[in-house]
Amino acid sequence: MTDKIKTGISRRELLAGAAAGAAVFQISMPGTAYGQSFPERPLNVVVMYGAGGGTDTIMRKIADEMAKAKGWTINVQNKPGAVGAVATQFVHGQKPDGYTVLGGANYNKFVRVMGHVELIPWEEWVFFQAASAIASWSVPVDSPFKTFDDVVAAAKADPGSISISTSGTGGLWHELAMIVGSFADIELKYVPYKGGKAATLAGLQGETDIAGGGVHEHVDLVRAGELRCLQQTGTKDITLENGAVMPTVGNFLPDIKPFLPIGGTYNFIMKRDTPPEVLAEVQDAFVAAANSEGFKEMIDNKFFELDIRTGEEADKTAAKLEVITVDTFNKFADQIGAPVKSAADLGLPAPSDFESWWPPEGYTPPPTKG
């Protein structure tokens, strides 16, 4: 395993992450004794993005359902910054005893590609995936852009003049915006914010021309008639109760259809050298929470998708997502604004070679079920 973490985070980002982490949300079931087995004290889930976004929403609901199912006490705090690297560095510095968990998105695939850390995901971490989500572009209802085609026409007339908010440079919604922009053959101005909620509010308030983010971050504002969705990266149109339609990008870009749906994933992430019996306890609680009626109701309302993955299946997904990100970021390196690692730097194959490459030499499945 690799213990080294590259110093790729600025002091400002670290201080911002620490400040954001000061507000802690506690979920507990009062009057429940812990007994002699794990856990004997509260768990701490450290979310790598800001409050109110998709990752935060999923992590808090999972923690709530785990507390209900097991009688545990779970604290949830946010440490945003450097596309998840601030939280990653913090959690990696804690004891591998199962009491500090990284609340993450997309198997934390950006931090190694962008050189923030040198931790190989399927060697350093154990992943428990709960759900997935799809991307969305929306505009205020008074925007001159009525359809996705309007944005394409304006962007082609004046390349780089149309701005779109993202959840951070190199983050998921930035990556997916670049992919959609590539298929549309347009150049946009990407404006980073700390999380999907902040990016959504920026677009709503007119700080950017388009609000980037996830369907789950836009849908309530579309329901309320404050935002109009221009496209989402699912396979079909989404028609809401009030008749508002969130159209699939496939309506406008036929060549992108084979790649849909494209979006994000949401994970509990634990250190690989955590005792196997502790990993098993957390996995049991996590899977029970992800299958609970309360969790399913929430993801249905927000248009997440239930997508539970553990064990080697989760490791393979982590590797595959990182391979795709390396390939995408090197194709659009000028849009990232910072150096990115190559596939050769990270010992990764091209996307077309992934199935023959996995599992990599020396791979050992995680000591968990599934």
Protein backbone atom coordinates (compact mmCIF):
# COMPACT_ATOMS: atom_id res chain seq x y z
CA MET A 1 0.00 0.00 0.00
CA THR A 2 1.01 3.61 -0.46
CA ASP A 3 1.17 5.78 2.65
CA LYS A 4 2.39 8.93 0.97
CA ILE A 5 -0.01 11.79 0.33
CA LYS A 6 1.27 14.38 -2.07
CA THR A 7 1.12 17.94 -0.82
CA GLY A 8 -1.13 19.28 -3.52
CA ILE A 9 -3.56 21.26 -1.36
CA SER A 10 -3.07 24.91 -0.57
CA ARG A 11 -3.10 26.23 3.01
CA ARG A 12 -6.22 28.22 2.13
CA GLU A 13 -8.05 25.06 1.02
CA LEU A 14 -7.01 23.20 4.15
CA LEU A 15 -8.15 26.04 6.41
CA ALA A 16 -11.43 26.33 4.50
CA GLY A 17 -12.00 22.61 4.88
CA ALA A 18 -11.30 22.74 8.57
CA ALA A 19 -13.69 25.65 9.05
CA ALA A 20 -16.42 23.91 7.09
CA GLY A 21 -15.92 20.86 9.25
CA ALA A 22 -16.69 22.82 12.41
CA ALA A 23 -20.44 22.40 11.92
CA VAL A 24 -21.28 18.81 12.86
CA PHE A 25 -24.64 17.14 12.36
CA GLN A 26 -25.35 14.33 14.84
CA ILE A 27 -27.66 11.43 14.20
CA SER A 28 -28.39 9.09 17.09
CA MET A 29 -30.94 6.81 18.64
CA PRO A 30 -31.16 7.89 22.31
CA GLY A 31 -31.24 5.33 25.08
CA THR A 32 -29.48 2.60 23.07
CA ALA A 33 -26.56 0.82 24.72
CA TYR A 34 -23.58 0.02 22.57
CA GLY A 35 -22.71 -3.21 24.35
CA GLN A 36 -19.27 -4.75 24.10
CA SER A 37 -18.97 -4.97 20.31
CA PHE A 38 -18.30 -2.36 17.64
CA PRO A 39 -19.14 0.45 17.79
CA GLU A 40 -18.42 1.50 21.35
CA ARG A 41 -18.53 5.21 20.54
CA PRO A 42 -20.03 7.43 17.78
CA LEU A 43 -18.90 7.10 14.17
CA ASN A 44 -17.79 10.19 12.26
CA VAL A 45 -18.67 10.52 8.55
CA VAL A 46 -16.55 13.19 6.85
CA VAL A 47 -18.27 14.41 3.67
CA MET A 48 -15.92 15.64 0.97
CA TYR A 49 -18.31 18.29 -0.40
CA GLY A 50 -20.39 21.12 1.07
CA ALA A 51 -23.72 20.87 2.84
CA GLY A 52 -26.87 20.49 0.76
CA GLY A 53 -25.40 18.87 -2.35
CA GLY A 54 -25.96 15.34 -3.59
CA THR A 55 -23.10 13.72 -1.69
CA ASP A 56 -24.12 15.42 1.55
CA THR A 57 -27.79 14.52 1.07
CA ILE A 58 -27.03 10.83 0.46
CA MET A 59 -24.52 10.55 3.31
CA ARG A 60 -26.83 12.14 5.87
CA LYS A 61 -29.77 9.95 4.88
CA ILE A 62 -27.66 6.78 4.93
CA ALA A 63 -26.30 7.75 8.36
CA ASP A 64 -29.82 8.40 9.61
CA GLU A 65 -31.05 5.01 8.40
CA MET A 66 -27.98 3.23 9.82
CA ALA A 67 -28.69 4.84 13.19
CA LYS A 68 -32.31 3.69 13.05
CA ALA A 69 -31.38 0.16 11.99
CA LYS A 70 -28.54 -0.44 14.44
CA GLY A 71 -29.00 2.02 17.29
CA TRP A 72 -25.66 3.65 16.53
CA THR A 73 -24.71 7.28 16.96
CA ILE A 74 -23.24 8.83 13.81
CA ASN A 75 -21.84 12.33 13.39
CA VAL A 76 -21.76 13.85 9.90
CA GLN A 77 -19.50 16.80 9.06
CA ASN A 78 -18.45 18.55 5.85
CA LYS A 79 -14.84 19.17 4.83
CA PRO A 80 -15.02 20.45 1.23
CA GLY A 81 -12.01 21.50 -0.79
CA ALA A 82 -9.69 20.41 -3.63
CA VAL A 83 -12.33 18.14 -5.22
CA GLY A 84 -12.48 15.97 -2.11
CA ALA A 85 -8.75 15.91 -1.27
CA VAL A 86 -9.13 17.88 1.99
CA ALA A 87 -11.51 15.27 3.42
CA THR A 88 -9.48 12.42 1.94
CA GLN A 89 -6.29 13.59 3.60
CA PHE A 90 -8.08 14.04 6.92
CA VAL A 91 -9.63 10.56 6.93
CA HIS A 92 -6.45 8.87 5.76
CA GLY A 93 -4.66 10.42 8.74
CA GLN A 94 -7.02 8.79 11.25
CA LYS A 95 -6.62 5.38 12.88
CA PRO A 96 -8.03 2.50 10.79
CA ASP A 97 -10.51 1.53 13.49
CA GLY A 98 -13.76 2.14 11.59
CA TYR A 99 -14.79 5.22 13.55
CA THR A 100 -13.89 7.73 10.80
CA VAL A 101 -15.49 7.19 7.39
CA LEU A 102 -15.08 9.21 4.20
CA GLY A 103 -18.43 10.25 2.72
CA GLY A 104 -17.61 10.42 -0.95
CA ALA A 105 -18.75 10.61 -4.53
CA ASN A 106 -17.55 8.69 -7.57
CA TYR A 107 -15.10 6.56 -5.63
CA ASN A 108 -13.02 9.67 -5.02
CA LYS A 109 -11.72 9.26 -8.56
CA PHE A 110 -10.51 12.82 -9.10
CA VAL A 111 -7.93 13.28 -6.36
CA ARG A 112 -5.25 10.93 -7.74
CA VAL A 113 -5.80 12.01 -11.36
CA MET A 114 -5.29 15.66 -10.36
CA GLY A 115 -2.20 14.86 -8.32
CA HIS A 116 -3.67 15.79 -4.93
CA VAL A 117 -2.91 12.36 -3.43
CA GLU A 118 -1.05 9.23 -4.49
CA LEU A 119 -3.38 6.68 -2.89
CA ILE A 120 -4.42 3.84 -5.20
CA PRO A 121 -8.17 3.45 -4.56
CA TRP A 122 -8.46 -0.34 -4.72
CA GLU A 123 -5.38 -0.76 -2.51
CA GLU A 124 -6.01 1.91 0.13
CA TRP A 125 -9.80 1.97 0.53
CA VAL A 126 -12.89 -0.20 0.85
CA PHE A 127 -15.98 1.16 -0.93
CA PHE A 128 -19.67 0.74 -0.19
CA GLN A 129 -21.86 2.29 -2.92
CA ALA A 130 -25.47 3.25 -2.22
CA ALA A 131 -26.82 5.17 -5.20
CA SER A 132 -26.09 6.95 -8.45
CA ALA A 133 -27.25 10.22 -10.02
CA ILE A 134 -27.44 11.97 -13.40
CA ALA A 135 -26.32 15.45 -14.42
CA SER A 136 -28.50 18.42 -15.28
CA TRP A 137 -28.17 21.85 -16.89
CA SER A 138 -30.82 24.37 -15.87
CA VAL A 139 -31.48 28.09 -16.22
CA PRO A 140 -33.72 30.62 -14.44
CA VAL A 141 -37.17 30.72 -15.97
CA ASP A 142 -36.53 34.24 -17.33
CA SER A 143 -33.34 33.16 -19.12
CA PRO A 144 -33.16 33.86 -22.87
CA PHE A 145 -32.14 30.21 -23.30
CA LYS A 146 -35.34 28.25 -23.76
CA THR A 147 -33.78 25.00 -24.95
CA PHE A 148 -30.41 23.25 -25.06
CA ASP A 149 -30.21 24.10 -28.77
CA ASP A 150 -30.35 27.82 -27.84
CA VAL A 151 -27.22 27.38 -25.71
CA VAL A 152 -25.43 25.52 -28.49
CA ALA A 153 -26.24 28.24 -31.02
CA ALA A 154 -25.07 31.04 -28.68
CA ALA A 155 -21.89 29.18 -27.72
CA LYS A 156 -20.97 28.55 -31.35
CA ALA A 157 -21.60 32.20 -32.22
CA ASP A 158 -19.31 33.40 -29.42
CA PRO A 159 -17.10 30.56 -28.06
CA GLY A 160 -16.35 30.80 -24.35
CA SER A 161 -18.95 33.49 -23.67
CA ILE A 162 -21.55 31.22 -22.01
CA SER A 163 -20.77 30.37 -18.39
CA ILE A 164 -21.84 27.29 -16.45
CA SER A 165 -21.41 26.61 -12.73
CA THR A 166 -19.75 23.39 -11.55
CA SER A 167 -19.16 21.70 -8.21
CA GLY A 168 -15.41 22.38 -8.55
CA THR A 169 -12.72 22.34 -11.20
CA GLY A 170 -12.10 18.72 -12.08
CA GLY A 171 -15.20 17.57 -10.17
CA LEU A 172 -18.01 15.39 -11.47
CA TRP A 173 -20.33 18.06 -12.83
CA HIS A 174 -17.36 19.80 -14.46
CA GLU A 175 -16.31 16.52 -16.09
CA LEU A 176 -19.82 15.77 -17.36
CA ALA A 177 -20.29 19.32 -18.61
CA MET A 178 -17.08 18.95 -20.61
CA ILE A 179 -18.29 15.64 -22.04
CA VAL A 180 -21.65 17.12 -23.09
CA GLY A 181 -19.90 20.21 -24.46
CA SER A 182 -17.56 17.99 -26.45
CA PHE A 183 -20.43 16.10 -28.07
CA ALA A 184 -22.12 19.44 -28.84
CA ASP A 185 -18.82 20.82 -30.19
CA ILE A 186 -19.05 23.97 -28.07
CA GLU A 187 -16.69 25.85 -25.75
CA LEU A 188 -18.08 27.03 -22.41
CA LYS A 189 -16.72 29.01 -19.47
CA TYR A 190 -16.65 26.74 -16.41
CA VAL A 191 -17.04 28.48 -13.03
CA PRO A 192 -16.20 26.34 -9.96
CA TYR A 193 -18.13 26.33 -6.68
CA LYS A 194 -17.79 24.20 -3.53
CA GLY A 195 -20.48 21.64 -4.14
CA GLY A 196 -23.53 21.04 -6.29
CA LYS A 197 -25.88 23.09 -4.12
CA ALA A 198 -23.64 26.15 -4.37
CA ALA A 199 -23.36 25.65 -8.12
CA THR A 200 -27.14 25.39 -8.45
CA LEU A 201 -27.74 28.57 -6.44
CA ALA A 202 -25.13 30.41 -8.54
CA GLY A 203 -27.07 29.64 -11.69
CA LEU A 204 -30.40 30.46 -10.07
CA GLN A 205 -29.08 33.84 -8.91
CA GLY A 206 -27.59 34.72 -12.30
CA GLU A 207 -23.93 34.45 -11.32
CA THR A 208 -23.57 32.10 -14.30
CA ASP A 209 -25.67 31.67 -17.44
CA ILE A 210 -26.32 27.99 -16.70
CA ALA A 211 -26.63 26.10 -13.42
CA GLY A 212 -24.65 22.89 -13.60
CA GLY A 213 -25.27 20.08 -11.14
CA GLY A 214 -27.36 16.99 -10.69
CA VAL A 215 -31.03 16.34 -11.33
CA HIS A 216 -31.46 15.83 -7.58
CA GLU A 217 -30.10 19.35 -6.96
CA HIS A 218 -32.34 20.98 -9.59
CA VAL A 219 -35.60 19.05 -9.44
CA ASP A 220 -37.23 20.89 -6.53
CA LEU A 221 -36.47 24.27 -8.14
CA VAL A 222 -37.89 22.99 -11.44
CA ARG A 223 -40.99 21.80 -9.55
CA ALA A 224 -41.29 25.25 -7.98
CA GLY A 225 -41.08 26.97 -11.37
CA GLU A 226 -37.80 28.75 -10.54
CA LEU A 227 -35.52 26.82 -12.88
CA ARG A 228 -36.05 25.38 -16.37
CA CYS A 229 -34.09 22.24 -17.20
CA LEU A 230 -32.35 22.32 -20.57
CA GLN A 231 -31.00 18.76 -20.49
CA GLN A 232 -30.21 15.85 -18.21
CA THR A 233 -27.94 12.89 -18.87
CA GLY A 234 -30.44 10.09 -18.33
CA THR A 235 -31.83 7.93 -21.10
CA LYS A 236 -35.38 9.32 -21.03
CA ASP A 237 -37.23 12.57 -20.43
CA ILE A 238 -38.35 13.15 -16.84
CA THR A 239 -41.88 14.52 -16.56
CA LEU A 240 -42.71 16.01 -13.16
CA GLU A 241 -46.06 16.12 -11.38
CA ASN A 242 -46.69 19.72 -12.55
CA GLY A 243 -46.04 18.82 -16.18
CA ALA A 244 -42.53 20.31 -16.32
CA VAL A 245 -40.17 18.23 -18.44
CA MET A 246 -36.48 17.63 -17.81
CA PRO A 247 -35.42 16.46 -21.30
CA THR A 248 -32.71 13.89 -21.98
CA VAL A 249 -29.66 15.27 -23.76
CA GLY A 250 -30.12 12.43 -26.23
CA ASN A 251 -32.97 14.46 -27.79
CA PHE A 252 -30.40 17.02 -28.92
CA LEU A 253 -27.19 14.99 -29.36
CA PRO A 254 -27.95 11.61 -30.95
CA ASP A 255 -24.27 10.58 -30.86
CA ILE A 256 -24.25 10.68 -27.06
CA LYS A 257 -27.13 8.20 -26.66
CA PRO A 258 -24.94 5.05 -26.48
CA PHE A 259 -23.14 6.53 -23.45
CA LEU A 260 -26.27 7.37 -21.44
CA PRO A 261 -26.97 7.38 -18.58
CA ILE A 262 -23.84 9.13 -17.30
CA GLY A 263 -23.57 10.57 -13.82
CA GLY A 264 -22.22 10.11 -10.33
CA THR A 265 -22.09 7.54 -7.57
CA TYR A 266 -22.21 7.91 -3.77
CA ASN A 267 -20.05 5.90 -1.39
CA PHE A 268 -19.02 5.20 2.18
CA ILE A 269 -15.23 4.86 1.98
CA MET A 270 -13.13 3.18 4.70
CA LYS A 271 -9.42 2.51 5.09
CA ARG A 272 -8.43 -0.87 3.70
CA ASP A 273 -6.50 -1.90 6.82
CA THR A 274 -9.56 -1.51 9.06
CA PRO A 275 -10.14 -4.80 10.93
CA PRO A 276 -12.25 -7.15 8.75
CA GLU A 277 -14.82 -7.69 11.50
CA VAL A 278 -15.36 -3.92 11.72
CA LEU A 279 -15.69 -3.61 7.95
CA ALA A 280 -18.29 -6.39 8.07
CA GLU A 281 -20.30 -4.59 10.76
CA VAL A 282 -20.31 -1.33 8.82
CA GLN A 283 -21.18 -3.08 5.55
CA ASP A 284 -24.15 -4.83 7.16
CA ALA A 285 -25.42 -1.53 8.56
CA PHE A 286 -24.80 0.28 5.28
CA VAL A 287 -26.62 -2.27 3.12
CA ALA A 288 -29.55 -2.34 5.55
CA ALA A 289 -29.76 1.46 5.38
CA ALA A 290 -29.54 1.54 1.56
CA ASN A 291 -32.40 -0.97 1.35
CA SER A 292 -34.59 0.83 3.89
CA GLU A 293 -37.92 2.31 2.87
CA GLY A 294 -36.86 5.73 4.11
CA PHE A 295 -33.78 5.79 1.89
CA LYS A 296 -35.67 4.47 -1.14
CA GLU A 297 -38.38 7.10 -0.70
CA MET A 298 -35.81 9.88 -0.58
CA ILE A 299 -33.93 8.77 -3.69
CA ASP A 300 -37.16 8.28 -5.65
CA ASN A 301 -38.25 11.82 -4.81
CA LYS A 302 -34.88 13.27 -5.85
CA PHE A 303 -34.45 11.02 -8.94
CA PHE A 304 -31.38 9.24 -7.63
CA GLU A 305 -31.04 5.57 -8.56
CA LEU A 306 -30.59 2.79 -5.97
CA ASP A 307 -27.30 1.15 -6.98
CA ILE A 308 -25.67 -0.89 -4.19
CA ARG A 309 -22.14 -2.21 -4.83
CA THR A 310 -19.62 -3.74 -2.43
CA GLY A 311 -16.54 -5.97 -2.50
CA GLU A 312 -14.63 -6.59 -5.72
CA GLU A 313 -17.51 -5.18 -7.80
CA ALA A 314 -17.02 -1.83 -6.08
CA ASP A 315 -13.23 -1.98 -6.54
CA LYS A 316 -13.67 -2.66 -10.26
CA THR A 317 -16.08 0.27 -10.55
CA ALA A 318 -13.55 2.52 -8.79
CA ALA A 319 -10.84 1.52 -11.24
CA LYS A 320 -13.08 1.89 -14.28
CA LEU A 321 -14.22 5.37 -13.29
CA GLU A 322 -10.64 6.48 -12.71
CA VAL A 323 -9.61 5.15 -16.14
CA ILE A 324 -12.43 7.15 -17.80
CA THR A 325 -11.50 10.31 -15.87
CA VAL A 326 -7.82 10.04 -16.79
CA ASP A 327 -8.76 9.73 -20.43
CA THR A 328 -11.27 12.62 -20.29
CA PHE A 329 -9.03 15.00 -18.36
CA ASN A 330 -6.10 14.47 -20.69
CA LYS A 331 -8.29 15.13 -23.71
CA PHE A 332 -9.51 18.39 -22.13
CA ALA A 333 -6.42 19.34 -20.14
CA ASP A 334 -6.77 22.99 -21.16
CA GLN A 335 -10.17 23.12 -19.42
CA ILE A 336 -8.88 21.76 -16.09
CA GLY A 337 -6.58 24.68 -15.36
CA ALA A 338 -4.06 22.49 -13.53
CA PRO A 339 -1.70 19.64 -14.38
CA VAL A 340 -3.29 16.20 -14.57
CA LYS A 341 -1.67 12.78 -14.41
CA SER A 342 -1.52 10.56 -17.47
CA ALA A 343 -2.67 6.95 -17.60
CA ALA A 344 0.98 5.91 -17.78
CA ASP A 345 1.78 7.97 -14.66
CA LEU A 346 -0.90 6.09 -12.74
CA GLY A 347 -0.33 2.65 -14.25
CA LEU A 348 -3.77 2.60 -15.85
CA PRO A 349 -4.91 1.26 -19.25
CA ALA A 350 -6.87 2.99 -21.98
CA PRO A 351 -10.65 2.67 -21.54
CA SER A 352 -10.79 0.20 -24.43
CA ASP A 353 -8.31 -2.09 -22.63
CA PHE A 354 -9.91 -1.98 -19.20
CA GLU A 355 -11.69 -5.35 -19.22
CA SER A 356 -8.52 -7.22 -20.19
CA TRP A 357 -6.48 -5.26 -17.61
CA TRP A 358 -8.76 -5.85 -14.62
CA PRO A 359 -7.82 -7.14 -12.12
CA PRO A 360 -4.35 -5.58 -12.10
CA GLU A 361 -1.35 -7.66 -11.11
CA GLY A 362 -1.17 -8.19 -7.36
CA TYR A 363 -4.81 -7.21 -6.75
CA THR A 364 -6.39 -8.60 -3.58
CA PRO A 365 -10.18 -8.32 -3.05
CA PRO A 366 -11.31 -6.44 0.06
CA PRO A 367 -11.91 -8.45 3.24
CA THR A 368 -15.68 -7.96 3.04
CA LYS A 369 -18.71 -9.81 1.77
CA GLY A 370 -20.07 -9.15 -1.71
